[in-house]
Amino acid sequence: MNVPDFGQIALLSMVVNLVFFMITWWALQSINIEKWLKSGKVMQARVLLILLTIAIGSLVSNFFLDYLLWSQQLPSLF
């Protein structure tokens, strides 16, 4: 099994995280969050969207990276 070095894994992880952050940010823009917020709380709403983006994007990218790792380790089973 050809295992990539740590630099390649780090680069792949960074790129995957950024891609899923962008996808999550794009998806969260479809939510009409204004109706759940108090008026005049624009900065808090933006911080909330950023934190949600990081949380959801991290969960999805970690799942994707774990699945990729597992699929690479699967041939050692046979």
C-alpha atoms as a PDB file:
ATOM      1  CA  MET A   1       0.000   0.000   0.000  1.00  0.00           C
ATOM      2  CA  ASN A   2       1.394   3.371  -1.023  1.00  0.00           C
ATOM      3  CA  VAL A   3       0.938   5.742   1.902  1.00  0.00           C
ATOM      4  CA  PRO A   4       1.306   9.458   1.093  1.00  0.00           C
ATOM      5  CA  ASP A   5       3.647  11.443   3.301  1.00  0.00           C
ATOM      6  CA  PHE A   6       2.423  13.772   6.038  1.00  0.00           C
ATOM      7  CA  GLY A   7       2.777  16.879   3.870  1.00  0.00           C
ATOM      8  CA  GLN A   8       0.403  15.513   1.257  1.00  0.00           C
ATOM      9  CA  ILE A   9      -2.103  14.455   3.908  1.00  0.00           C
ATOM     10  CA  ALA A  10      -1.928  17.901   5.523  1.00  0.00           C
ATOM     11  CA  LEU A  11      -2.461  19.653   2.192  1.00  0.00           C
ATOM     12  CA  LEU A  12      -5.366  17.374   1.290  1.00  0.00           C
ATOM     13  CA  SER A  13      -6.962  17.936   4.706  1.00  0.00           C
ATOM     14  CA  MET A  14      -6.663  21.719   4.402  1.00  0.00           C
ATOM     15  CA  VAL A  15      -8.146  21.755   0.912  1.00  0.00           C
ATOM     16  CA  VAL A  16     -11.006  19.425   1.858  1.00  0.00           C
ATOM     17  CA  ASN A  17     -11.798  21.525   4.945  1.00  0.00           C
ATOM     18  CA  LEU A  18     -11.870  24.736   2.916  1.00  0.00           C
ATOM     19  CA  VAL A  19     -14.063  23.173   0.230  1.00  0.00           C
ATOM     20  CA  PHE A  20     -16.589  21.922   2.759  1.00  0.00           C
ATOM     21  CA  PHE A  21     -16.517  25.281   4.574  1.00  0.00           C
ATOM     22  CA  MET A  22     -17.398  26.997   1.298  1.00  0.00           C
ATOM     23  CA  ILE A  23     -20.164  24.499   0.555  1.00  0.00           C
ATOM     24  CA  THR A  24     -21.575  24.874   4.075  1.00  0.00           C
ATOM     25  CA  TRP A  25     -21.433  28.685   3.894  1.00  0.00           C
ATOM     26  CA  TRP A  26     -23.213  28.597   0.534  1.00  0.00           C
ATOM     27  CA  ALA A  27     -25.891  26.265   1.919  1.00  0.00           C
ATOM     28  CA  LEU A  28     -26.437  28.328   5.083  1.00  0.00           C
ATOM     29  CA  GLN A  29     -27.056  31.439   2.979  1.00  0.00           C
ATOM     30  CA  SER A  30     -30.387  29.903   1.941  1.00  0.00           C
ATOM     31  CA  ILE A  31     -31.727  30.090   5.506  1.00  0.00           C
ATOM     32  CA  ASN A  32     -33.824  33.134   6.366  1.00  0.00           C
ATOM     33  CA  ILE A  33     -32.199  33.722   9.735  1.00  0.00           C
ATOM     34  CA  GLU A  34     -33.535  37.271  10.152  1.00  0.00           C
ATOM     35  CA  LYS A  35     -36.910  36.111  11.449  1.00  0.00           C
ATOM     36  CA  TRP A  36     -35.260  34.324  14.393  1.00  0.00           C
ATOM     37  CA  LEU A  37     -33.039  37.212  15.455  1.00  0.00           C
ATOM     38  CA  LYS A  38     -33.629  40.321  17.467  1.00  0.00           C
ATOM     39  CA  SER A  39     -33.485  43.516  15.477  1.00  0.00           C
ATOM     40  CA  GLY A  40     -30.114  45.262  15.428  1.00  0.00           C
ATOM     41  CA  LYS A  41     -28.130  42.081  16.105  1.00  0.00           C
ATOM     42  CA  VAL A  42     -26.450  41.827  12.700  1.00  0.00           C
ATOM     43  CA  MET A  43     -22.935  41.204  14.037  1.00  0.00           C
ATOM     44  CA  GLN A  44     -24.099  38.379  16.304  1.00  0.00           C
ATOM     45  CA  ALA A  45     -25.969  36.808  13.365  1.00  0.00           C
ATOM     46  CA  ARG A  46     -22.824  36.873  11.225  1.00  0.00           C
ATOM     47  CA  VAL A  47     -20.736  35.336  14.007  1.00  0.00           C
ATOM     48  CA  LEU A  48     -23.390  32.646  14.460  1.00  0.00           C
ATOM     49  CA  LEU A  49     -23.311  31.837  10.736  1.00  0.00           C
ATOM     50  CA  ILE A  50     -19.517  31.656  10.781  1.00  0.00           C
ATOM     51  CA  LEU A  51     -19.526  29.332  13.806  1.00  0.00           C
ATOM     52  CA  LEU A  52     -22.207  27.129  12.241  1.00  0.00           C
ATOM     53  CA  THR A  53     -20.188  27.000   9.030  1.00  0.00           C
ATOM     54  CA  ILE A  54     -17.067  25.915  10.895  1.00  0.00           C
ATOM     55  CA  ALA A  55     -18.925  23.327  12.987  1.00  0.00           C
ATOM     56  CA  ILE A  56     -20.896  21.736  10.149  1.00  0.00           C
ATOM     57  CA  GLY A  57     -18.048  21.994   7.637  1.00  0.00           C
ATOM     58  CA  SER A  58     -15.619  20.357  10.077  1.00  0.00           C
ATOM     59  CA  LEU A  59     -17.988  17.483  10.790  1.00  0.00           C
ATOM     60  CA  VAL A  60     -18.588  16.795   7.107  1.00  0.00           C
ATOM     61  CA  SER A  61     -14.937  17.138   6.099  1.00  0.00           C
ATOM     62  CA  ASN A  62     -13.819  14.879   8.967  1.00  0.00           C
ATOM     63  CA  PHE A  63     -16.330  12.267   7.823  1.00  0.00           C
ATOM     64  CA  PHE A  64     -15.075  12.563   4.234  1.00  0.00           C
ATOM     65  CA  LEU A  65     -11.402  12.337   5.257  1.00  0.00           C
ATOM     66  CA  ASP A  66     -12.086   9.386   7.583  1.00  0.00           C
ATOM     67  CA  TYR A  67     -13.968   7.600   4.803  1.00  0.00           C
ATOM     68  CA  LEU A  68     -11.059   8.233   2.437  1.00  0.00           C
ATOM     69  CA  LEU A  69      -8.590   6.828   4.982  1.00  0.00           C
ATOM     70  CA  TRP A  70     -10.766   3.774   5.606  1.00  0.00           C
ATOM     71  CA  SER A  71     -11.071   3.108   1.891  1.00  0.00           C
ATOM     72  CA  GLN A  72      -7.282   3.227   1.573  1.00  0.00           C
ATOM     73  CA  GLN A  73      -6.872   0.795   4.477  1.00  0.00           C
ATOM     74  CA  LEU A  74      -9.492  -1.639   3.170  1.00  0.00           C
ATOM     75  CA  PRO A  75      -7.132  -3.530   0.786  1.00  0.00           C
ATOM     76  CA  SER A  76      -5.027  -4.596   3.789  1.00  0.00           C
ATOM     77  CA  LEU A  77      -8.032  -6.627   4.947  1.00  0.00           C
ATOM     78  CA  PHE A  78      -7.626  -9.070   2.070  1.00  0.00           C
END
